[in-house]
Protein backbone atom coordinates (compact mmCIF):
# COMPACT_ATOMS: atom_id res chain seq x y z
CA UNK A 1 0.08 -0.10 0.01
CA UNK A 2 3.02 2.59 0.85
CA UNK A 3 4.40 2.07 -2.53
CA UNK A 4 1.30 2.29 -4.41
CA UNK A 5 0.53 5.29 -2.67
CA UNK A 6 4.02 6.98 -3.12
CA UNK A 7 3.77 6.03 -6.80
CA UNK A 8 0.26 7.84 -6.92
CA UNK A 9 1.99 10.66 -5.32
CA UNK A 10 4.82 11.04 -7.40
CA UNK A 11 2.70 10.97 -10.36
CA UNK A 12 0.32 13.78 -8.81
CA UNK A 13 3.75 15.72 -8.32
CA UNK A 14 4.58 15.05 -12.08
CA UNK A 15 1.51 16.32 -13.25
CA UNK A 16 2.00 19.76 -11.53
CA UNK A 17 3.19 22.36 -14.46
CA UNK A 18 5.78 24.76 -13.83
CA UNK A 19 4.35 28.12 -14.59
CA UNK A 20 7.06 28.48 -17.22
CA UNK A 21 5.54 25.59 -19.35
CA UNK A 22 2.12 27.20 -19.31
CA UNK A 23 2.41 28.15 -23.00
CA UNK A 24 2.83 24.52 -23.95
CA UNK A 25 0.40 23.02 -21.75
CA UNK A 26 -2.44 25.22 -21.17
CA UNK A 27 -2.55 27.56 -23.95
CA UNK A 28 -6.20 27.43 -25.98
CA UNK A 29 -4.76 27.20 -29.20
CA UNK A 30 -8.44 26.43 -30.69
CA UNK A 31 -9.52 29.39 -29.14
CA UNK A 32 -7.01 31.56 -30.21
CA UNK A 33 -7.36 30.45 -33.77
CA UNK A 34 -11.16 31.03 -33.56
CA UNK A 35 -10.38 34.41 -32.05
CA UNK A 36 -8.04 35.40 -34.79
CA UNK A 37 -10.25 34.03 -37.60
CA UNK A 38 -13.08 36.64 -35.69
CA UNK A 39 -10.69 39.19 -35.77
CA UNK A 40 -9.93 38.87 -39.58
CA UNK A 41 -13.58 38.63 -40.41
CA UNK A 42 -14.42 41.75 -38.55
CA UNK A 43 -11.65 43.55 -40.28
CA UNK A 44 -12.78 42.15 -43.68
CA UNK A 45 -16.34 43.16 -42.96
CA UNK A 46 -15.05 46.88 -42.17
CA UNK A 47 -13.51 46.64 -45.50
CA UNK A 48 -16.51 45.36 -47.31
CA UNK A 49 -18.97 47.61 -45.98
CA UNK A 50 -16.48 50.65 -47.04
CA UNK A 51 -16.07 49.24 -50.32
CA UNK A 52 -19.77 48.82 -51.05
CA UNK A 53 -20.32 52.48 -50.04
CA UNK A 54 -17.64 53.45 -52.17
CA UNK A 55 -18.96 51.61 -54.96
CA UNK A 56 -22.51 52.88 -54.38
CA UNK A 57 -21.05 56.46 -54.13
CA UNK A 58 -19.54 56.27 -57.53
CA UNK A 59 -22.36 54.61 -59.36
CA UNK A 60 -24.70 57.32 -57.69
CA UNK A 61 -22.12 60.17 -58.85
CA UNK A 62 -21.89 58.79 -62.23
CA UNK A 63 -25.45 59.00 -62.71
CA UNK A 64 -25.62 62.65 -61.22
CA UNK A 65 -22.83 63.67 -63.64
CA UNK A 66 -24.75 61.85 -66.73
CA UNK A 67 -28.10 63.91 -65.78
CA UNK A 68 -25.96 66.82 -65.23
CA UNK A 69 -24.21 66.59 -68.39
CA UNK A 70 -27.59 65.87 -70.12
CA UNK A 71 -29.29 69.38 -68.65
CA UNK A 72 -26.03 71.27 -69.30
CA UNK A 73 -25.77 70.00 -72.98
CA UNK A 74 -29.28 70.99 -73.56
CA UNK A 75 -28.67 74.40 -72.20
CA UNK A 76 -25.79 75.03 -74.04
CA UNK A 77 -27.56 73.89 -77.15
CA UNK A 78 -30.49 76.21 -76.28
CA UNK A 79 -28.23 79.32 -75.97
CA UNK A 80 -26.31 78.26 -79.21
CA UNK A 81 -29.65 77.99 -81.06
CA UNK A 82 -30.94 81.20 -79.76
CA UNK A 83 -28.08 83.06 -80.67
CA UNK A 84 -27.57 81.63 -84.36
CA UNK A 85 -31.19 82.36 -84.56
CA UNK A 86 -30.71 85.97 -83.59
CA UNK A 87 -27.75 86.30 -85.68
CA UNK A 88 -30.05 85.13 -88.96
CA UNK A 89 -32.62 87.65 -88.09
CA UNK A 90 -29.68 90.14 -87.91
CA UNK A 91 -28.31 89.48 -91.20
CA UNK A 92 -31.71 89.47 -92.78
CA UNK A 93 -32.65 92.63 -91.39
CA UNK A 94 -28.91 93.93 -92.29
CA UNK A 95 -29.69 93.02 -96.15
CA UNK A 96 -33.09 94.46 -96.39
CA UNK A 97 -31.83 97.82 -94.90
CA UNK A 98 -28.78 97.74 -97.09
CA UNK A 99 -31.31 97.12 -100.21
CA UNK A 100 -33.39 99.94 -98.95
CA UNK A 101 -30.64 102.13 -98.39
CA UNK A 102 -31.01 102.24 -94.54
CA UNK A 103 -28.32 102.74 -92.19
CA UNK A 104 -26.97 99.33 -90.51
CA UNK A 105 -25.11 101.11 -87.84
CA UNK A 106 -25.77 99.67 -84.51
CA UNK A 107 -27.92 96.72 -85.88
CA UNK A 108 -25.33 93.86 -84.30
CA UNK A 109 -25.50 95.63 -81.01
CA UNK A 110 -29.09 95.62 -80.56
CA UNK A 111 -29.34 91.90 -81.49
CA UNK A 112 -26.42 91.21 -78.92
CA UNK A 113 -28.42 92.96 -76.22
CA UNK A 114 -31.59 91.14 -77.00
CA UNK A 115 -29.57 88.10 -76.72
CA UNK A 116 -28.22 88.51 -73.49
CA UNK A 117 -31.27 89.89 -72.28
CA UNK A 118 -33.30 86.47 -73.32
CA UNK A 119 -30.72 84.14 -72.25
CA UNK A 120 -30.35 85.79 -68.67
CA UNK A 121 -34.12 85.72 -68.20
CA UNK A 122 -35.13 82.48 -69.27
CA UNK A 123 -34.17 79.22 -67.23
CA UNK A 124 -33.75 77.34 -70.19
CA UNK A 125 -30.74 79.36 -71.60
CA UNK A 126 -29.03 80.24 -68.13
CA UNK A 127 -29.52 77.35 -65.58
CA UNK A 128 -26.43 75.12 -66.08
CA UNK A 129 -25.96 72.45 -63.05
CA UNK A 130 -22.77 71.87 -61.22
CA UNK A 131 -21.91 68.92 -58.65
CA UNK A 132 -21.42 70.36 -55.28
CA UNK A 133 -21.34 69.25 -51.88
CA UNK A 134 -24.93 70.68 -51.16
CA UNK A 135 -26.19 68.33 -54.01
CA UNK A 136 -24.40 65.33 -52.50
CA UNK A 137 -26.43 63.03 -50.28
CA UNK A 138 -25.17 63.29 -46.33
CA UNK A 139 -23.95 59.50 -46.41
CA UNK A 140 -21.71 60.24 -49.47
CA UNK A 141 -20.73 63.97 -48.58
CA UNK A 142 -17.24 62.72 -46.48
CA UNK A 143 -16.26 60.49 -49.70
CA UNK A 144 -16.89 63.53 -52.10
CA UNK A 145 -15.10 66.29 -49.94
CA UNK A 146 -12.23 63.40 -49.22
CA UNK A 147 -11.94 62.40 -52.85
CA UNK A 148 -11.76 58.99 -52.05
CA UNK A 149 -11.16 56.06 -54.23
CA UNK A 150 -11.46 52.24 -54.18
CA UNK A 151 -7.73 52.22 -54.01
CA UNK A 152 -7.91 54.37 -51.11
CA UNK A 153 -10.05 52.37 -48.74
CA UNK A 154 -7.97 51.41 -45.95
CA UNK A 155 -8.20 48.03 -44.83
CA UNK A 156 -6.96 46.76 -41.18
CA UNK A 157 -4.65 43.77 -40.97
CA UNK A 158 -3.77 41.28 -37.99
CA UNK A 159 -0.71 41.96 -36.35
CA UNK A 160 1.89 40.37 -34.03
CA UNK A 161 0.61 42.49 -31.35
CA UNK A 162 -2.95 41.70 -31.92
CA UNK A 163 -2.09 37.95 -32.04
CA UNK A 164 -0.37 38.31 -28.33
CA UNK A 165 -3.00 40.29 -27.21
CA UNK A 166 -5.52 37.29 -28.14
CA UNK A 167 -3.30 34.69 -26.77
CA UNK A 168 -2.64 36.63 -23.35
CA UNK A 169 -6.29 35.95 -22.45
CA UNK A 170 -6.70 32.57 -24.22
CA UNK A 171 -5.40 29.80 -21.81
CA UNK A 172 -7.53 27.30 -19.74
CA UNK A 173 -7.67 29.15 -16.56
CA UNK A 174 -9.93 26.00 -14.90
CA UNK A 175 -6.89 23.97 -15.50
CA UNK A 176 -4.40 26.65 -14.10
CA UNK A 177 -6.40 27.13 -11.18
CA UNK A 178 -6.53 23.74 -10.08
CA UNK A 179 -2.96 23.28 -10.93
CA UNK A 180 -1.97 26.28 -8.94
CA UNK A 181 -4.34 25.17 -6.04
CA UNK A 182 -2.34 21.34 -6.47
CA UNK A 183 1.08 22.98 -6.09
CA UNK A 184 0.13 25.00 -2.90
CA UNK A 185 -1.54 21.96 -1.30
CA UNK A 186 0.83 19.55 -2.18
CA UNK A 187 1.87 18.85 1.55
CA UNK A 188 -1.95 18.46 2.40
CA UNK A 189 -2.46 16.14 -0.76
CA UNK A 190 0.63 14.28 0.27
CA UNK A 191 -1.11 13.51 3.68
CA UNK A 192 -4.36 12.64 2.10
CA UNK A 193 -2.63 10.43 -0.64
CA UNK A 194 0.13 8.72 1.57
CA UNK A 195 -2.03 7.54 4.77
CA UNK A 196 0.83 5.63 5.78
CA UNK A 197 4.25 7.78 5.22
CA UNK A 198 7.44 6.23 5.64
CA UNK A 199 9.13 7.05 9.02
CA UNK A 200 12.40 8.46 8.37
CA UNK A 201 14.11 8.04 11.73
CA UNK A 202 13.39 3.98 11.86
CA UNK A 203 16.02 1.72 11.82
CA UNK A 204 14.23 -0.96 9.71
CA UNK A 205 11.32 -1.24 7.74
CA UNK A 206 9.69 -4.52 6.69
CA UNK A 207 6.23 -5.57 6.06
CA UNK A 208 4.75 -8.75 8.20
CA UNK A 209 4.41 -11.70 5.96
CA UNK A 210 3.62 -14.29 9.30
CA UNK A 211 0.35 -15.92 9.80
CA UNK A 212 -1.83 -14.60 12.49
CA UNK A 213 -0.71 -16.09 15.94
CA UNK A 214 2.78 -16.65 15.11
CA UNK A 215 6.03 -14.93 16.01
CA UNK A 216 8.05 -13.06 13.82
CA UNK A 217 11.70 -11.88 14.14
CA UNK A 218 13.33 -9.41 12.22
CA UNK A 219 17.37 -9.24 12.52
CA UNK A 220 19.08 -6.18 11.12
CA UNK A 221 22.37 -4.06 11.79
CA UNK A 222 23.14 -0.69 12.28
CA UNK A 223 26.32 1.25 11.78
CA UNK A 224 26.84 4.55 13.70
CA UNK A 225 30.03 6.72 13.12
CA UNK A 226 32.05 7.25 16.10
CA UNK A 227 32.72 10.91 16.36
CA UNK A 228 35.30 12.96 18.42
CA UNK A 229 34.67 12.61 22.16
CA UNK A 230 32.25 9.90 22.09
CA UNK A 231 32.65 7.32 24.70
CA UNK A 232 29.37 5.69 25.67
CA UNK A 233 26.06 4.96 23.39
CA UNK A 234 22.67 4.33 25.28
CA UNK A 235 20.28 2.69 22.86
CA UNK A 236 16.65 2.47 23.31
CA UNK A 237 14.32 0.80 20.95
CA UNK A 238 11.08 1.99 19.78
CA UNK A 239 8.75 0.22 17.27
CA UNK A 240 5.38 0.97 15.98
CA UNK A 241 3.06 -1.36 14.08
CA UNK A 242 0.46 0.31 11.44
CA UNK A 243 -2.50 -1.82 9.95
CA UNK A 244 -4.19 -1.02 6.51
CA UNK A 245 -7.32 0.01 8.43
CA UNK A 246 -5.57 3.01 9.97
CA UNK A 247 -5.17 1.13 13.45
CA UNK A 248 -1.72 1.61 15.30
CA UNK A 249 0.19 -0.49 17.92
CA UNK A 250 3.03 0.39 19.85
CA UNK A 251 4.76 -2.20 21.68
CA UNK A 252 6.41 -1.16 24.97
CA UNK A 253 10.31 0.33 24.37
CA UNK A 254 12.98 -1.96 25.19
CA UNK A 255 15.35 -1.17 28.27
CA UNK A 256 17.91 1.23 27.59
CA UNK A 257 21.45 -0.44 26.60
CA UNK A 258 24.53 1.16 27.31
CA UNK A 259 27.78 0.53 25.03
CA UNK A 260 31.04 1.55 25.88
CA UNK A 261 32.62 2.95 22.93
CA UNK A 262 36.29 1.27 22.39
CA UNK A 263 39.02 3.39 20.99
CA UNK A 264 42.59 3.16 20.34
CA UNK A 265 43.00 6.10 22.62
CA UNK A 266 42.17 3.58 25.67
CA UNK A 267 45.73 2.53 25.39
CA UNK A 268 47.43 5.92 26.20
CA UNK A 269 50.51 5.24 28.06
CA UNK A 270 50.10 7.51 31.25
CA UNK A 271 53.33 6.10 32.61
CA UNK A 272 55.42 8.82 30.39
CA UNK A 273 54.00 11.35 32.78
CA UNK A 274 56.23 10.08 35.30
CA UNK A 275 59.45 11.54 34.07
CA UNK A 276 57.41 15.14 34.69
CA UNK A 277 56.87 14.82 38.53
CA UNK A 278 58.60 16.85 40.85
CA UNK A 279 60.76 14.94 43.34
CA UNK A 280 61.32 16.77 46.53
CA UNK A 281 60.21 16.65 50.32
CA UNK A 282 57.30 19.38 49.76
CA UNK A 283 56.06 16.56 47.15
CA UNK A 284 55.78 13.86 49.79
CA UNK A 285 53.38 16.64 51.78
CA UNK A 286 51.26 16.83 48.86
CA UNK A 287 50.98 13.28 47.81
CA UNK A 288 47.54 12.92 49.13
CA UNK A 289 46.34 15.64 46.50
CA UNK A 290 47.93 14.00 43.57
CA UNK A 291 51.70 14.16 41.90
CA UNK A 292 52.97 17.66 40.99
CA UNK A 293 54.24 18.16 37.55
CA UNK A 294 57.08 20.72 36.37
CA UNK A 295 55.01 23.07 33.68
CA UNK A 296 56.02 21.03 30.56
CA UNK A 297 54.46 18.00 32.65
CA UNK A 298 51.37 20.08 33.25
CA UNK A 299 51.29 20.75 29.61
CA UNK A 300 51.90 17.14 28.56
CA UNK A 301 49.29 15.83 31.28
CA UNK A 302 46.55 18.21 29.48
CA UNK A 303 47.71 16.60 25.98
CA UNK A 304 47.03 13.57 27.64
CA UNK A 305 43.75 14.07 28.68
CA UNK A 306 42.74 15.95 25.27
CA UNK A 307 43.98 12.44 23.81
CA UNK A 308 41.66 10.61 26.27
CA UNK A 309 38.52 12.72 25.45
CA UNK A 310 39.31 12.00 21.71
CA UNK A 311 40.14 15.38 21.02
CA UNK A 312 42.96 14.48 18.69
CA UNK A 313 43.52 17.80 16.60
CA UNK A 314 43.92 19.85 19.99
CA UNK A 315 46.22 17.14 21.49
CA UNK A 316 48.64 16.81 18.39
CA UNK A 317 50.26 20.21 18.63
CA UNK A 318 51.29 19.30 22.16
CA UNK A 319 52.57 15.90 21.59
CA UNK A 320 54.55 16.98 18.68
CA UNK A 321 56.86 18.73 20.80
CA UNK A 322 58.18 15.65 22.50
CA UNK A 323 57.34 12.94 20.18
CA UNK A 324 56.97 9.51 21.69
CA UNK A 325 54.49 6.93 21.61
CA UNK A 326 51.41 9.00 22.56
CA UNK A 327 52.16 11.14 19.80
CA UNK A 328 52.04 8.03 17.48
CA UNK A 329 48.92 7.28 18.86
CA UNK A 330 47.26 10.66 17.95
CA UNK A 331 48.68 10.50 14.71
CA UNK A 332 47.17 7.34 14.16
CA UNK A 333 43.49 8.56 15.17
CA UNK A 334 44.18 11.42 13.03
CA UNK A 335 44.66 9.01 9.66
CA UNK A 336 48.26 10.21 9.53
CA UNK A 337 49.54 6.53 9.50
CA UNK A 338 52.58 7.12 7.36
CA UNK A 339 54.11 9.57 9.76
CA UNK A 340 52.75 7.40 12.89
CA UNK A 341 54.65 4.10 11.07
CA UNK A 342 57.95 6.22 10.91
CA UNK A 343 57.77 7.17 14.59
CA UNK A 344 56.79 3.72 16.00
CA UNK A 345 59.87 2.50 14.27
CA UNK A 346 62.10 4.64 16.38
CA UNK A 347 60.42 4.04 19.70
CA UNK A 348 61.74 1.50 22.07
CA UNK A 349 60.09 -2.01 21.71
CA UNK A 350 57.19 -2.91 24.10
CA UNK A 351 53.58 -4.30 23.96
CA UNK A 352 51.70 -1.00 23.39
CA UNK A 353 53.97 0.06 20.79
CA UNK A 354 53.56 -3.36 18.85
CA UNK A 355 50.31 -3.21 19.04
CA UNK A 356 49.61 0.12 17.77
CA UNK A 357 52.18 -0.88 14.89
CA UNK A 358 49.72 -3.53 14.05
CA UNK A 359 46.78 -1.34 13.62
CA UNK A 360 48.95 1.31 11.67
CA UNK A 361 50.44 -1.66 9.37
CA UNK A 362 46.81 -3.10 8.71
CA UNK A 363 45.18 0.32 8.00
CA UNK A 364 48.15 0.57 5.39
CA UNK A 365 47.37 -2.54 3.91
CA UNK A 366 50.01 -4.61 4.88
CA UNK A 367 48.24 -7.50 6.61
CA UNK A 368 51.10 -9.90 7.08
CA UNK A 369 52.95 -7.06 8.64
CA UNK A 370 50.08 -6.20 10.85
CA UNK A 371 49.84 -9.84 12.08
CA UNK A 372 53.86 -10.18 12.93
CA UNK A 373 53.35 -6.95 15.17
CA UNK A 374 49.96 -8.06 16.61
CA UNK A 375 51.57 -11.41 17.60
CA UNK A 376 54.69 -9.67 19.10
CA UNK A 377 52.54 -7.47 20.99
CA UNK A 378 50.23 -10.45 22.44
CA UNK A 379 53.17 -12.61 23.50
CA UNK A 380 54.59 -9.50 25.41
CA UNK A 381 51.08 -9.02 26.83
CA UNK A 382 48.88 -11.80 26.63
CA UNK A 383 45.89 -9.57 27.84
CA UNK A 384 46.05 -7.74 24.67
CA UNK A 385 44.27 -10.84 23.02
CA UNK A 386 41.05 -9.71 24.72
CA UNK A 387 41.80 -6.32 23.20
CA UNK A 388 41.61 -7.56 19.63
CA UNK A 389 37.82 -8.01 18.68
CA UNK A 390 37.59 -4.22 19.90
CA UNK A 391 39.75 -3.41 16.74
CA UNK A 392 38.11 -4.17 13.68
CA UNK A 393 41.38 -3.57 11.77
CA UNK A 394 42.84 -6.63 13.54
CA UNK A 395 39.80 -8.60 14.52
CA UNK A 396 39.36 -8.46 10.46
CA UNK A 397 42.80 -10.18 9.95
CA UNK A 398 41.57 -13.54 11.95
CA UNK A 399 39.74 -15.12 9.09
CA UNK A 400 42.35 -14.33 6.63
CA UNK A 401 44.77 -16.23 7.95
CA UNK A 402 44.88 -19.96 8.75
CA UNK A 403 45.85 -20.95 12.17
CA UNK A 404 45.93 -17.37 13.83
CA UNK A 405 42.83 -17.81 15.91
CA UNK A 406 44.54 -21.12 17.41
CA UNK A 407 47.68 -18.97 17.90
CA UNK A 408 46.03 -16.38 19.60
CA UNK A 409 44.04 -18.70 21.99
CA UNK A 410 47.44 -20.45 22.94
CA UNK A 411 48.85 -17.02 23.92
CA UNK A 412 45.72 -16.35 25.74
CA UNK A 413 46.05 -19.56 27.79
CA UNK A 414 49.52 -18.93 28.51
CA UNK A 415 50.85 -21.90 26.77
């Protein structure tokens, strides 16, 4: 159930879309195409409306000019007819006067005045028509005044800005709202989807396949790193049983177990302090309160305290002033195995030195040399055989060498 729930929740998380991907997931492309088509249709209808109005205006103008030209032609023809008719009369009268010997002076001016008097009085001779704005219908007057033609009609086109404006407001906002709600409430949804979350602090997590009424046992190993200053470890086991019906049961916690953390620093050689003890009568009177050391001895005692407390980096600068076994021990604990090995080679042989040299050799990967130093140390001090299980560098060597276990047992028995 847990695996299925976690898988479902992972699918849920994978379904949450990052806002940067909204354009590729939640953009309503069909709606955008619909809006673009609608906008283009609107622009085309605007153009079509103006085109139809322009065509209607040009048709009206053509008919109006035809009627105007027809009327003006008749008016001009009437004036021409009137002039030529009066000219004929003037010529006839002039001939008659000439034949009769009468004076013809002023006859042309008389007929000319008669022409202008008649042409300026009767509408048929004087009322020529002219197309002006007042005669144009109001719905076409702007076209007449502007002198617009078909090629001058402005048409609107869809631009990139129009497309961006349309796209900016064309998303599946219901799905975006749902996505953002899921993102905001992912922790609450996690609790709902995973009623049985893994407990990160547990050492072991297993399902029970046992038949009801039968015991079952879980064996496991838990490794805990040893840090500076760690000497004791208290372990208390707690457990929880969860069932798929949401019921839980907590067994009683185990008793607290106390473990003593072993370290090579337990092999500190405190006898090295003896060389710094002040020897005097005054010292004898102070024996009850402990030994008194020289200033160098006080400093060295502090270094050994730090070494025992596993504060190796603080102890090393003091111990390096007077290199000895304890200095090699500190170097070993800090991982300076090459330096520790070189120092151990210079020191007098004793059981502590040989045992530490065995550990250093094992850490450097020289198993044969490590076994030689280990056996030498145990032969000098058989009690060190009991120490070997506490140091994995040496205990791990025993299965690698045939007969090593038997040899250590014989040394421990004093044989």
